[in-house]
Amino acid sequence: MTGAAERFYERVHALGGAHPQITSVGKAHRYFSVVESLRTRPQQTVCELGFGGHSLLNILSPFVREYHIIDIVDCAAGKILPDNVRTYCGNLDNPFPFQDGQFDSVIAMMVVEHLYDPFHAMAEIARICRPGGTVIINLPNIAALKCRFSLLLGRMPVTSTKDWYEKRQWDGNHLHYFTVADTKRLAGLYGLRLETMHPVGQMVWLKRLRPHLFCHEISYIFRKDGA
């Protein structure tokens, strides 16, 4: 990784700040679907792309046999991690350093929209997931009504944080935009079939009625074709 790409990711992490401390994950949280999946099918071998923070790791790792994390920065950061956690430094725009079908579940929360090539990312996610395994991906939804209203008013739709301009961090450093239909289409290219979607944020009951309209952010749960 050199040049513009290196500067881009260095800036992403420099502006990202510390991960918030989390003691529980409720239904409105983007990781709720992850907790439910790991809780109902314990003792899996899991890979998470990108690091959600030490407090989240402490919530998730007790459910699994092995928890592997890969990020472009050192996610251990000198801290003591649970015994079943393994960390790797790697650029997810390159081939992932894992074997075919190595993991029962693959998790990518707020990651794919930051990568240069979504086709490469989804292909690699599917490759390292075993047949019949689970893939959980969180993405913003550019087709949400609030984004449509922004465009109607001549404003750029925001899929990250409202202060992105003040931080000089163009829409939170999101490189790509997704709709529900295009996310399903992309995943389907690589044998990932949508099982369910979990709305994120308040009024989950309303968002479930029309996710493609009401959800500004969605956690998708896919099943990989096979066994």
Protein backbone atom coordinates (compact mmCIF):
# COMPACT_ATOMS: atom_id res chain seq x y z
CA MET A 1 0.00 0.00 0.00
CA THR A 2 1.62 3.21 -1.15
CA GLY A 3 0.88 6.75 -2.16
CA ALA A 4 -2.71 8.00 -2.15
CA ALA A 5 -4.12 4.81 -0.62
CA GLU A 6 -1.66 4.93 2.27
CA ARG A 7 -2.46 8.59 2.97
CA PHE A 8 -6.18 7.88 2.78
CA TYR A 9 -6.17 5.11 5.39
CA GLU A 10 -3.74 6.94 7.66
CA ARG A 11 -6.16 9.87 7.66
CA VAL A 12 -9.15 7.60 8.32
CA HIS A 13 -7.55 6.23 11.49
CA ALA A 14 -6.07 9.54 12.60
CA LEU A 15 -9.51 11.15 12.58
CA GLY A 16 -11.38 8.13 13.86
CA GLY A 17 -10.55 8.67 17.52
CA ALA A 18 -10.98 6.15 20.31
CA HIS A 19 -13.63 3.45 20.16
CA PRO A 20 -16.57 4.16 22.48
CA GLN A 21 -16.95 2.03 25.59
CA ILE A 22 -19.87 -0.38 25.24
CA THR A 23 -21.28 -2.49 28.05
CA SER A 24 -24.30 -3.98 26.26
CA VAL A 25 -25.72 -4.32 22.75
CA GLY A 26 -29.43 -3.61 22.40
CA LYS A 27 -31.76 -4.09 19.43
CA ALA A 28 -30.96 -0.64 18.03
CA HIS A 29 -27.20 -1.34 17.89
CA ARG A 30 -25.48 -2.32 14.62
CA TYR A 31 -23.82 -5.28 16.37
CA PHE A 32 -27.11 -6.72 17.68
CA SER A 33 -27.33 -9.13 14.75
CA VAL A 34 -23.73 -10.24 15.42
CA VAL A 35 -24.43 -10.95 19.09
CA GLU A 36 -27.59 -12.90 18.25
CA SER A 37 -25.85 -14.95 15.56
CA LEU A 38 -22.88 -15.86 17.77
CA ARG A 39 -25.07 -16.49 20.83
CA THR A 40 -27.40 -18.90 19.05
CA ARG A 41 -24.54 -20.77 17.33
CA PRO A 42 -21.70 -20.78 19.89
CA GLN A 43 -18.18 -22.15 19.50
CA GLN A 44 -17.67 -20.88 15.96
CA THR A 45 -14.43 -19.82 14.33
CA VAL A 46 -15.03 -16.19 13.41
CA CYS A 47 -13.23 -13.51 11.41
CA GLU A 48 -14.00 -9.81 11.76
CA LEU A 49 -12.76 -7.38 9.13
CA GLY A 50 -11.90 -4.13 10.84
CA PHE A 51 -11.78 -3.66 14.59
CA GLY A 52 -14.91 -2.61 16.48
CA GLY A 53 -13.11 -1.86 19.74
CA HIS A 54 -11.99 -3.67 22.86
CA SER A 55 -15.29 -3.35 24.71
CA LEU A 56 -17.20 -4.96 21.83
CA LEU A 57 -14.57 -7.68 21.63
CA ASN A 58 -15.13 -8.48 25.29
CA ILE A 59 -18.84 -8.91 24.57
CA LEU A 60 -18.40 -11.08 21.47
CA SER A 61 -15.39 -13.29 22.17
CA PRO A 62 -16.98 -15.41 24.97
CA PHE A 63 -19.44 -16.86 22.45
CA VAL A 64 -16.83 -18.23 20.03
CA ARG A 65 -14.05 -20.78 19.88
CA GLU A 66 -11.68 -18.50 17.93
CA TYR A 67 -12.06 -14.80 17.09
CA HIS A 68 -9.73 -13.51 14.36
CA ILE A 69 -9.51 -9.78 13.61
CA ILE A 70 -7.75 -8.14 10.68
CA ASP A 71 -7.29 -4.38 10.39
CA ILE A 72 -4.88 -2.06 8.65
CA VAL A 73 -3.62 -0.88 12.05
CA ASP A 74 -2.47 -2.84 15.09
CA CYS A 75 -5.77 -3.54 16.83
CA ALA A 76 -4.07 -5.12 19.84
CA ALA A 77 -2.47 -1.73 20.64
CA GLY A 78 -0.54 -3.10 23.59
CA LYS A 79 -3.68 -4.31 25.39
CA ILE A 80 -4.26 -7.77 26.82
CA LEU A 81 -6.76 -9.61 24.63
CA PRO A 82 -8.89 -12.67 25.44
CA ASP A 83 -7.04 -15.96 24.94
CA ASN A 84 -9.20 -16.98 21.96
CA VAL A 85 -8.51 -13.77 20.00
CA ARG A 86 -5.96 -13.51 17.19
CA THR A 87 -5.13 -10.21 15.48
CA TYR A 88 -3.53 -9.46 12.10
CA CYS A 89 -2.42 -6.27 10.37
CA GLY A 90 -3.43 -6.23 6.73
CA ASN A 91 -4.84 -4.09 3.93
CA LEU A 92 -8.28 -5.42 2.98
CA ASP A 93 -7.89 -4.02 -0.52
CA ASN A 94 -5.41 -6.88 -1.03
CA PRO A 95 -6.14 -10.63 -0.92
CA PHE A 96 -7.11 -11.64 2.62
CA PRO A 97 -4.42 -13.73 4.37
CA PHE A 98 -6.75 -16.63 5.18
CA GLN A 99 -7.55 -20.03 3.69
CA ASP A 100 -10.63 -20.86 1.65
CA GLY A 101 -13.55 -21.73 3.92
CA GLN A 102 -11.54 -21.10 7.09
CA PHE A 103 -14.33 -19.42 9.08
CA ASP A 104 -17.84 -20.32 10.20
CA SER A 105 -18.78 -16.63 10.24
CA VAL A 106 -17.29 -13.50 8.67
CA ILE A 107 -18.19 -10.04 10.02
CA ALA A 108 -17.66 -6.69 8.28
CA MET A 109 -19.28 -3.78 10.11
CA MET A 110 -18.85 -0.32 8.53
CA VAL A 111 -15.94 -1.59 6.43
CA VAL A 112 -16.87 -2.39 2.81
CA GLU A 113 -17.91 1.21 2.00
CA HIS A 114 -14.33 2.27 2.87
CA LEU A 115 -12.63 -0.21 0.51
CA TYR A 116 -11.60 0.58 -3.05
CA ASP A 117 -13.16 -2.42 -4.78
CA PRO A 118 -16.43 -3.84 -3.34
CA PHE A 119 -16.31 -6.74 -5.81
CA HIS A 120 -12.91 -7.80 -4.50
CA ALA A 121 -14.05 -7.36 -0.89
CA MET A 122 -17.21 -9.44 -1.32
CA ALA A 123 -15.38 -12.14 -3.26
CA GLU A 124 -12.77 -12.46 -0.51
CA ILE A 125 -15.43 -12.43 2.23
CA ALA A 126 -17.23 -15.29 0.50
CA ARG A 127 -13.99 -17.17 -0.15
CA ILE A 128 -12.89 -17.34 3.49
CA CYS A 129 -16.38 -18.30 4.73
CA ARG A 130 -17.15 -22.03 4.79
CA PRO A 131 -20.07 -23.37 2.71
CA GLY A 132 -23.21 -22.95 4.77
CA GLY A 133 -21.51 -20.30 6.92
CA THR A 134 -22.76 -16.86 7.91
CA VAL A 135 -21.70 -13.44 6.66
CA ILE A 136 -22.83 -10.31 8.52
CA ILE A 137 -22.21 -7.00 6.77
CA ASN A 138 -23.23 -3.53 7.95
CA LEU A 139 -23.66 -0.81 5.32
CA PRO A 140 -25.24 2.63 4.96
CA ASN A 141 -28.27 2.82 2.67
CA ILE A 142 -28.05 5.69 0.19
CA ALA A 143 -31.69 5.10 -0.87
CA ALA A 144 -33.07 5.96 2.59
CA LEU A 145 -35.71 8.68 2.58
CA LYS A 146 -33.49 11.10 4.50
CA CYS A 147 -30.85 10.80 1.75
CA ARG A 148 -33.47 11.32 -0.95
CA PHE A 149 -34.76 14.45 0.77
CA SER A 150 -31.23 15.81 1.01
CA LEU A 151 -30.74 15.41 -2.74
CA LEU A 152 -34.16 16.92 -3.40
CA LEU A 153 -33.05 19.99 -1.44
CA GLY A 154 -29.79 20.16 -3.36
CA ARG A 155 -27.64 18.91 -0.50
CA MET A 156 -25.19 16.03 -0.44
CA PRO A 157 -26.67 13.04 1.41
CA VAL A 158 -24.69 12.14 4.53
CA THR A 159 -24.11 8.45 5.23
CA SER A 160 -21.56 8.98 8.00
CA THR A 161 -21.41 11.82 10.54
CA LYS A 162 -22.79 15.33 10.21
CA ASP A 163 -19.45 17.01 10.94
CA TRP A 164 -17.60 15.33 8.07
CA TYR A 165 -16.93 18.66 6.34
CA GLU A 166 -15.49 20.29 9.46
CA LYS A 167 -13.20 17.28 9.90
CA ARG A 168 -12.19 17.48 6.22
CA GLN A 169 -13.23 13.84 5.98
CA TRP A 170 -15.44 13.59 2.90
CA ASP A 171 -18.63 11.85 4.05
CA GLY A 172 -16.66 9.98 6.69
CA ASN A 173 -14.23 8.66 4.06
CA HIS A 174 -16.92 6.51 2.45
CA LEU A 175 -15.78 5.55 -1.04
CA HIS A 176 -18.94 3.77 -2.25
CA TYR A 177 -22.69 3.92 -1.75
CA PHE A 178 -25.12 1.01 -1.50
CA THR A 179 -28.82 0.28 -1.76
CA VAL A 180 -30.56 -2.85 -0.50
CA ALA A 181 -31.07 -4.16 -4.04
CA ASP A 182 -27.46 -3.59 -5.11
CA THR A 183 -26.10 -5.11 -1.89
CA LYS A 184 -28.12 -8.28 -2.49
CA ARG A 185 -27.02 -8.31 -6.13
CA LEU A 186 -23.34 -7.90 -5.23
CA ALA A 187 -23.44 -10.61 -2.56
CA GLY A 188 -25.30 -12.97 -4.88
CA LEU A 189 -22.43 -12.88 -7.36
CA TYR A 190 -20.35 -14.79 -4.83
CA GLY A 191 -22.90 -17.27 -3.53
CA LEU A 192 -24.12 -15.23 -0.55
CA ARG A 193 -27.91 -15.37 -0.12
CA LEU A 194 -29.71 -12.89 2.06
CA GLU A 195 -31.38 -14.43 5.12
CA THR A 196 -32.50 -11.32 6.95
CA MET A 197 -31.81 -7.63 7.51
CA HIS A 198 -31.56 -5.91 10.89
CA PRO A 199 -32.42 -2.20 10.99
CA VAL A 200 -30.10 -0.02 13.07
CA GLY A 201 -31.14 2.89 15.28
CA GLN A 202 -34.42 3.99 16.78
CA MET A 203 -37.93 2.88 15.67
CA VAL A 204 -36.75 -0.55 14.54
CA TRP A 205 -40.40 -1.64 14.23
CA LEU A 206 -41.04 1.02 11.59
CA LYS A 207 -37.81 0.39 9.71
CA ARG A 208 -38.65 -3.30 9.38
CA LEU A 209 -41.74 -2.40 7.33
CA ARG A 210 -39.75 -0.81 4.48
CA PRO A 211 -36.00 -1.21 5.11
CA HIS A 212 -35.04 0.20 1.70
CA LEU A 213 -36.86 3.46 2.55
CA PHE A 214 -36.62 3.91 6.31
CA CYS A 215 -33.23 2.38 7.15
CA HIS A 216 -30.28 4.72 6.94
CA GLU A 217 -28.04 1.86 8.09
CA ILE A 218 -28.61 -1.90 7.79
CA SER A 219 -26.91 -5.03 9.10
CA TYR A 220 -27.32 -7.78 6.48
CA ILE A 221 -27.14 -11.47 7.39
CA PHE A 222 -26.18 -13.74 4.48
CA ARG A 223 -25.77 -17.49 4.19
CA LYS A 224 -23.08 -18.87 1.90
CA ASP A 225 -24.27 -21.45 -0.61
CA GLY A 226 -23.19 -25.01 0.09
CA ALA A 227 -23.29 -27.69 2.81
